[in-house]
């Protein structure tokens, strides 16, 4: 799931004229990282859920949600008959450095 970088995806901040990545670029980086880490797994319905800039401006916190199929044996037949979903929704929060675009962490977000 490679998303090409956008042109003009950086800007100068007022604090020290440091080039920083913008929100679109941060989201692209998170989506690319998710695609790389989950390569070979069946994930779908990947959506941007939240984006937040840290108070000090050093980090982008990007939350992506996606669905994964549940193993067939994990859904009881009765629940299946009632229309229980056969997937699990998961959320990951990516901490991305706003100056160099490197992913510093990926954490599970509990809902």
Protein backbone atom coordinates (compact mmCIF):
# COMPACT_ATOMS: atom_id res chain seq x y z
CA UNK A 1 0.00 0.00 0.00
CA UNK A 2 2.46 2.62 -1.19
CA UNK A 3 1.17 6.19 -1.32
CA UNK A 4 3.35 8.50 -3.44
CA UNK A 5 4.65 11.65 -1.76
CA UNK A 6 2.88 14.89 -2.59
CA UNK A 7 4.71 17.81 -4.14
CA UNK A 8 5.10 20.77 -1.84
CA UNK A 9 4.71 18.58 1.22
CA UNK A 10 6.93 20.58 3.54
CA UNK A 11 6.76 24.07 4.91
CA UNK A 12 8.84 26.42 6.99
CA UNK A 13 7.77 26.81 10.56
CA UNK A 14 7.81 30.19 12.22
CA UNK A 15 10.05 28.81 14.94
CA UNK A 16 13.56 28.89 13.54
CA UNK A 17 12.72 28.33 9.85
CA UNK A 18 13.11 24.57 10.21
CA UNK A 19 11.64 22.56 7.35
CA UNK A 20 8.89 20.37 8.73
CA UNK A 21 6.63 17.81 7.13
CA UNK A 22 2.96 18.72 6.83
CA UNK A 23 -0.04 16.70 7.94
CA UNK A 24 -0.61 15.06 4.53
CA UNK A 25 2.96 13.84 4.41
CA UNK A 26 2.76 12.52 7.99
CA UNK A 27 -0.37 10.53 7.08
CA UNK A 28 1.30 9.16 3.94
CA UNK A 29 4.31 8.06 5.97
CA UNK A 30 2.10 6.30 8.53
CA UNK A 31 0.07 4.54 5.79
CA UNK A 32 3.24 3.40 4.02
CA UNK A 33 4.69 2.13 7.30
CA UNK A 34 1.50 0.20 8.08
CA UNK A 35 1.52 -1.35 4.60
CA UNK A 36 5.14 -2.40 4.99
CA UNK A 37 4.69 -3.91 8.45
CA UNK A 38 1.52 -5.79 7.53
CA UNK A 39 2.69 -6.92 4.11
CA UNK A 40 1.37 -10.42 3.50
CA UNK A 41 -1.49 -10.02 5.99
CA UNK A 42 -5.08 -9.50 4.92
CA UNK A 43 -5.95 -6.02 6.10
CA UNK A 44 -8.58 -3.80 4.52
CA UNK A 45 -10.72 -0.70 5.13
CA UNK A 46 -7.66 1.31 6.08
CA UNK A 47 -8.87 4.71 7.24
CA UNK A 48 -7.38 7.79 8.79
CA UNK A 49 -8.97 8.11 12.22
CA UNK A 50 -7.09 10.94 13.97
CA UNK A 51 -4.16 13.28 13.49
CA UNK A 52 -2.62 15.34 16.26
CA UNK A 53 0.44 17.53 16.49
CA UNK A 54 2.28 17.40 19.80
CA UNK A 55 2.19 20.59 21.85
CA UNK A 56 5.91 21.16 21.30
CA UNK A 57 5.51 20.59 17.54
CA UNK A 58 8.10 17.79 17.42
CA UNK A 59 5.73 14.94 16.59
CA UNK A 60 2.79 14.02 14.44
CA UNK A 61 0.55 11.40 16.06
CA UNK A 62 -1.36 9.64 13.28
CA UNK A 63 -4.04 7.06 14.11
CA UNK A 64 -4.97 4.61 11.35
CA UNK A 65 -7.77 2.08 11.62
CA UNK A 66 -8.06 -1.12 9.62
CA UNK A 67 -9.95 -4.39 9.59
CA UNK A 68 -8.52 -7.91 9.82
CA UNK A 69 -10.39 -11.16 9.28
CA UNK A 70 -10.98 -13.28 12.37
CA UNK A 71 -9.97 -16.93 12.29
CA UNK A 72 -13.07 -19.00 11.40
CA UNK A 73 -12.89 -21.02 14.63
CA UNK A 74 -13.04 -17.85 16.76
CA UNK A 75 -16.65 -17.08 15.80
CA UNK A 76 -19.24 -19.45 17.29
CA UNK A 77 -21.79 -20.73 14.78
CA UNK A 78 -24.69 -19.14 16.65
CA UNK A 79 -23.08 -15.71 16.53
CA UNK A 80 -22.33 -16.16 12.84
CA UNK A 81 -25.99 -17.00 12.24
CA UNK A 82 -26.97 -13.76 13.99
CA UNK A 83 -24.71 -11.81 11.68
CA UNK A 84 -21.73 -11.21 13.95
CA UNK A 85 -18.85 -9.58 12.05
CA UNK A 86 -16.12 -11.87 10.79
CA UNK A 87 -13.49 -9.19 11.18
CA UNK A 88 -11.74 -7.27 13.91
CA UNK A 89 -11.19 -3.52 13.77
CA UNK A 90 -7.76 -2.40 14.97
CA UNK A 91 -6.18 1.00 15.48
CA UNK A 92 -2.52 1.96 15.44
CA UNK A 93 -0.97 5.27 16.50
CA UNK A 94 2.20 6.28 14.66
CA UNK A 95 4.55 8.81 16.24
CA UNK A 96 6.32 10.59 13.40
CA UNK A 97 9.13 13.10 13.75
CA UNK A 98 7.89 16.35 12.24
CA UNK A 99 11.33 17.38 11.00
CA UNK A 100 12.70 14.25 9.32
CA UNK A 101 9.53 12.15 8.85
CA UNK A 102 10.93 9.09 10.60
CA UNK A 103 8.49 6.82 12.38
CA UNK A 104 9.59 6.68 16.01
CA UNK A 105 6.90 4.31 17.24
CA UNK A 106 3.71 2.43 16.41
CA UNK A 107 1.39 1.64 19.30
CA UNK A 108 -1.95 -0.07 19.72
CA UNK A 109 -4.80 2.35 20.36
CA UNK A 110 -7.49 0.85 22.57
CA UNK A 111 -11.02 2.01 21.86
